[in-house]
Protein backbone atom coordinates (compact mmCIF):
# COMPACT_ATOMS: atom_id res chain seq x y z
CA MET A 1 -29.74 26.19 -57.18
CA ASN A 2 -26.13 27.24 -56.68
CA ASP A 3 -24.70 27.22 -60.19
CA THR A 4 -21.10 26.03 -60.07
CA ALA A 5 -18.90 24.45 -62.71
CA THR A 6 -18.11 21.38 -60.66
CA PRO A 7 -20.99 19.34 -59.17
CA LEU A 8 -20.82 18.52 -55.49
CA LEU A 9 -21.64 14.88 -56.20
CA GLU A 10 -21.59 12.77 -59.35
CA ALA A 11 -22.82 9.19 -59.55
CA HIS A 12 -22.12 7.36 -62.77
CA ASN A 13 -23.59 4.08 -64.04
CA LEU A 14 -24.47 2.72 -60.61
CA THR A 15 -25.68 -0.88 -60.51
CA ARG A 16 -26.46 -2.95 -57.45
CA GLY A 17 -27.39 -6.59 -57.43
CA PHE A 18 -28.31 -8.84 -54.51
CA GLN A 19 -28.03 -12.63 -54.50
CA THR A 20 -31.20 -14.52 -53.61
CA GLU A 21 -32.20 -18.17 -53.78
CA GLY A 22 -33.79 -17.43 -57.12
CA GLY A 23 -30.70 -15.71 -58.54
CA THR A 24 -29.46 -12.12 -58.72
CA VAL A 25 -31.94 -9.32 -58.19
CA GLU A 26 -30.82 -6.09 -59.87
CA VAL A 27 -32.01 -3.20 -57.69
CA LEU A 28 -30.11 -0.42 -59.48
CA LYS A 29 -29.65 -0.58 -63.24
CA GLY A 30 -27.24 2.07 -64.44
CA VAL A 31 -28.13 5.16 -62.42
CA ASP A 32 -26.52 8.50 -63.24
CA LEU A 33 -27.13 11.45 -60.92
CA SER A 34 -25.46 14.80 -60.40
CA LEU A 35 -26.05 17.16 -57.47
CA ALA A 36 -24.94 20.77 -57.56
CA ARG A 37 -23.92 22.64 -54.44
CA GLY A 38 -27.06 23.98 -52.81
CA ASP A 39 -29.44 21.64 -54.63
CA MET A 40 -32.58 20.49 -52.83
CA VAL A 41 -33.82 17.41 -54.68
CA ALA A 42 -36.86 15.22 -54.15
CA LEU A 43 -36.29 11.54 -54.97
CA LEU A 44 -39.62 10.03 -55.96
CA GLY A 45 -40.87 6.59 -56.94
CA GLN A 46 -42.91 3.60 -55.81
CA SER A 47 -41.71 1.26 -53.07
CA GLY A 48 -39.12 -1.08 -54.54
CA ALA A 49 -37.95 1.41 -57.17
CA GLY A 50 -34.45 1.50 -55.66
CA LYS A 51 -34.56 4.84 -53.83
CA SER A 52 -33.27 3.64 -50.47
CA THR A 53 -30.55 1.55 -52.10
CA LEU A 54 -29.42 4.60 -54.05
CA ILE A 55 -29.34 6.70 -50.89
CA GLN A 56 -27.27 4.05 -49.10
CA ILE A 57 -24.72 3.97 -51.93
CA LEU A 58 -24.51 7.75 -52.33
CA GLY A 59 -23.89 7.92 -48.59
CA THR A 60 -21.20 5.19 -48.89
CA LEU A 61 -23.01 2.91 -46.45
CA ASP A 62 -23.22 0.32 -49.24
CA ARG A 63 -21.07 -0.27 -52.30
CA PRO A 64 -22.34 -0.50 -55.86
CA THR A 65 -21.79 -3.64 -57.91
CA THR A 66 -20.44 -1.35 -60.63
CA GLY A 67 -20.16 2.39 -61.10
CA SER A 68 -18.61 5.28 -59.24
CA VAL A 69 -19.52 8.07 -56.82
CA ARG A 70 -17.43 11.22 -56.76
CA MET A 71 -17.86 14.01 -54.24
CA THR A 72 -15.89 17.25 -54.60
CA GLY A 73 -13.84 15.32 -57.16
CA VAL A 74 -12.90 12.46 -54.80
CA ASP A 75 -13.66 8.93 -56.04
CA LEU A 76 -15.18 7.70 -52.78
CA PHE A 77 -15.03 3.96 -53.33
CA LYS A 78 -11.31 4.12 -54.06
CA LEU A 79 -10.70 5.26 -50.47
CA SER A 80 -9.67 2.72 -47.85
CA ARG A 81 -12.28 1.62 -45.31
CA SER A 82 -10.88 3.94 -42.63
CA GLN A 83 -10.50 6.86 -45.04
CA LEU A 84 -14.07 6.39 -46.24
CA ALA A 85 -15.44 6.27 -42.69
CA ARG A 86 -13.67 9.54 -41.88
CA TRP A 87 -14.85 11.15 -45.13
CA ARG A 88 -18.45 10.13 -44.41
CA ASN A 89 -18.32 11.49 -40.87
CA GLU A 90 -17.01 14.84 -42.05
CA ASN A 91 -19.03 15.37 -45.24
CA ILE A 92 -22.26 13.37 -45.35
CA ALA A 93 -25.21 13.38 -42.95
CA PHE A 94 -28.28 11.15 -42.76
CA VAL A 95 -31.85 11.55 -41.53
CA TYR A 96 -34.23 8.60 -41.60
CA GLN A 97 -37.93 7.97 -41.07
CA GLN A 98 -37.02 6.51 -37.68
CA HIS A 99 -34.96 9.01 -35.69
CA ARG A 100 -32.41 6.39 -34.54
CA LEU A 101 -31.51 8.34 -31.42
CA LEU A 102 -29.84 6.51 -28.54
CA PRO A 103 -32.58 6.23 -25.90
CA GLU A 104 -30.28 6.33 -22.88
CA PHE A 105 -28.67 9.61 -23.96
CA SER A 106 -30.06 13.14 -23.69
CA ALA A 107 -30.80 15.22 -26.77
CA LEU A 108 -27.55 17.09 -26.21
CA GLU A 109 -25.51 13.90 -25.86
CA ASN A 110 -27.06 12.44 -29.02
CA VAL A 111 -26.13 15.54 -31.00
CA MET A 112 -22.59 15.53 -29.62
CA LEU A 113 -21.86 11.98 -30.81
CA PRO A 114 -20.56 12.75 -34.33
CA LEU A 115 -18.14 15.28 -32.87
CA LEU A 116 -16.92 12.90 -30.19
CA ILE A 117 -16.31 10.29 -32.89
CA ARG A 118 -13.98 12.88 -34.45
CA ARG A 119 -12.22 13.04 -31.06
CA MET A 120 -13.36 16.59 -30.35
CA GLY A 121 -13.17 17.49 -26.67
CA GLN A 122 -16.29 17.32 -24.50
CA ALA A 123 -16.50 21.07 -23.89
CA PRO A 124 -16.29 22.27 -27.51
CA ALA A 125 -18.53 19.40 -28.66
CA SER A 126 -21.14 20.36 -26.08
CA LYS A 127 -21.00 24.03 -27.10
CA GLN A 128 -21.36 23.22 -30.78
CA ALA A 129 -24.23 20.79 -30.11
CA GLN A 130 -26.05 23.39 -28.00
CA GLN A 131 -25.79 25.91 -30.85
CA VAL A 132 -27.31 23.48 -33.34
CA LEU A 133 -30.09 22.48 -30.95
CA GLU A 134 -30.90 26.16 -30.56
CA ARG A 135 -31.07 26.50 -34.35
CA VAL A 136 -33.66 23.69 -34.59
CA GLY A 137 -35.69 25.20 -31.76
CA LEU A 138 -34.81 22.75 -29.01
CA ALA A 139 -32.42 24.61 -26.72
CA HIS A 140 -34.95 24.22 -23.92
CA ARG A 141 -35.16 20.42 -24.40
CA GLN A 142 -31.47 19.53 -24.57
CA SER A 143 -31.43 17.59 -21.28
CA HIS A 144 -34.43 15.42 -22.23
CA ARG A 145 -34.05 11.87 -23.47
CA PRO A 146 -35.77 10.79 -26.71
CA GLY A 147 -38.59 9.05 -24.81
CA GLN A 148 -39.49 12.40 -23.22
CA LEU A 149 -39.79 14.17 -26.57
CA SER A 150 -42.59 14.30 -29.13
CA GLY A 151 -42.15 12.72 -32.55
CA GLY A 152 -41.44 16.09 -34.13
CA GLU A 153 -38.93 16.97 -31.43
CA GLN A 154 -37.17 13.62 -31.86
CA GLN A 155 -36.81 14.28 -35.57
CA ARG A 156 -35.46 17.77 -34.90
CA VAL A 157 -32.82 16.24 -32.63
CA ALA A 158 -31.97 13.80 -35.42
CA ILE A 159 -31.59 16.73 -37.83
CA ALA A 160 -29.41 18.57 -35.31
CA ARG A 161 -27.21 15.47 -34.95
CA ALA A 162 -26.92 15.33 -38.75
CA LEU A 163 -25.95 19.01 -38.98
CA VAL A 164 -23.58 19.38 -36.07
CA GLY A 165 -20.47 18.41 -37.99
CA GLY A 166 -21.07 20.84 -40.86
CA PRO A 167 -21.75 18.31 -43.64
CA LYS A 168 -21.76 19.19 -47.33
CA LEU A 169 -24.57 16.75 -48.17
CA LEU A 170 -27.71 15.68 -46.32
CA LEU A 171 -29.39 12.44 -47.39
CA ALA A 172 -32.88 11.97 -45.97
CA ASP A 173 -35.05 8.87 -46.41
CA GLU A 174 -38.72 9.71 -45.72
CA PRO A 175 -37.79 12.10 -42.87
CA THR A 176 -41.43 13.08 -42.28
CA GLY A 177 -42.99 9.67 -42.97
CA ASN A 178 -43.93 8.95 -39.35
CA LEU A 179 -45.25 12.41 -38.55
CA ASP A 180 -48.68 14.00 -38.74
CA THR A 181 -49.22 16.61 -41.46
CA HIS A 182 -48.71 19.66 -39.25
CA THR A 183 -45.52 18.31 -37.67
CA ALA A 184 -44.23 17.11 -41.05
CA ASP A 185 -44.73 20.58 -42.50
CA GLY A 186 -42.71 22.07 -39.63
CA ILE A 187 -39.84 19.64 -40.18
CA PHE A 188 -39.86 20.35 -43.88
CA ASP A 189 -39.90 24.10 -43.28
CA LEU A 190 -36.76 23.59 -41.19
CA LEU A 191 -35.04 21.66 -44.00
CA LEU A 192 -35.97 24.39 -46.49
CA ALA A 193 -34.59 27.05 -44.17
CA LEU A 194 -31.32 25.16 -43.74
CA ASN A 195 -31.00 24.89 -47.50
CA ALA A 196 -31.56 28.62 -47.91
CA GLU A 197 -29.34 29.70 -45.02
CA GLN A 198 -26.43 27.30 -45.43
CA GLN A 199 -26.71 26.18 -49.06
CA LEU A 200 -26.85 22.66 -47.63
CA THR A 201 -27.26 20.21 -50.51
CA GLN A 202 -30.11 17.80 -49.79
CA LEU A 203 -31.46 14.67 -51.48
CA ILE A 204 -34.77 13.70 -49.87
CA VAL A 205 -36.74 10.54 -50.51
CA THR A 206 -40.44 11.28 -50.14
CA HIS A 207 -43.80 9.91 -51.20
CA ASN A 208 -45.46 13.23 -50.43
CA PRO A 209 -46.12 15.13 -53.69
CA ASP A 210 -46.89 18.37 -51.84
CA LEU A 211 -43.48 18.35 -50.15
CA ALA A 212 -41.74 17.34 -53.37
CA ALA A 213 -43.36 20.26 -55.19
CA ARG A 214 -41.65 22.67 -52.79
CA MET A 215 -38.17 21.46 -53.70
CA GLY A 216 -36.02 22.89 -56.45
CA ARG A 217 -35.67 19.61 -58.34
CA ARG A 218 -37.54 16.34 -58.61
CA VAL A 219 -36.05 13.04 -59.77
CA ARG A 220 -38.20 9.95 -60.25
CA MET A 221 -37.06 6.33 -60.08
CA GLN A 222 -38.75 3.27 -61.53
CA ASP A 223 -37.46 -0.31 -61.62
CA GLY A 224 -33.95 0.67 -60.57
CA GLN A 225 -33.52 3.51 -63.04
CA ILE A 226 -34.05 7.27 -63.14
CA VAL A 227 -36.89 7.74 -65.59
CA ASP A 228 -37.62 11.46 -65.41
CA GLY A 229 -37.03 14.65 -63.53
CA ASP A 230 -35.33 17.95 -64.12
CA ALA A 231 -31.90 16.62 -63.14
CA PRO A 232 -29.01 18.19 -65.05
C-alpha cells in the first residue's frame, strides 16, 4: 500500500434507496470507505449485498441518496453534470464482467475511444492506444474486432481501454467472472502487475476467494453495509 496522508478516495455515509411498488428498498445503508493511493482492494459479499451499487456510485455513474464521495479532495457530486463527466473520463476507469467493446470497431479503435472523447487527435490517440495494447500483450491483435478475439483477449482490450487515459482509480466488477480459471489467472496477473508498476489504485468486486487473497486488502459487504475487512 502506498502510505500517504491524504486518501485518494473517501466515501462517507453513503446510502442509496430505490423506489419499488412495495416501497423504498435501501441498497446501501451508511457505507464509509477510504482508498489510499496504490491500494488494491477486493470487495466481497453475496449477491445483493450492494457491491455493484457501491461501485456505480464511487465511479459517479449513479448518485447516492445521501452521503459524499471525495477524490483527491474534490467533492464529486458537487460538480456540474459536464464537470463530472470530464472528471470521470480523466480519473476513473471501469472494467466489467462483460467486456462492453463496440463490435464494429477494431481493438485499436475501441482503446482509442476515451482519448477521442477528450478531443485528442487521431494520430496521438492511435499511438497511445498502440502502446497500451502492447503493454497488455495484444500489439499483434490490434486490427481484430472483438468477435475475432478470445474471451481473455477481449477482456485485455477492455483493460487497455480503461488504462489508456491514465486513470487514478480502476473499478472492476467481476472482471474475470466469465473466464475459465487459467484465463482468469492471466487477467488477474495483469491487474497485479499494473498495480505494482503504476501504483494504480484498484477496487475489484470478486466472488473468487483465491483472487481476493492475493490482494492487499479485503472489504466485505452484507445487507448494504461494510461488515468487516482490513480497511483503514
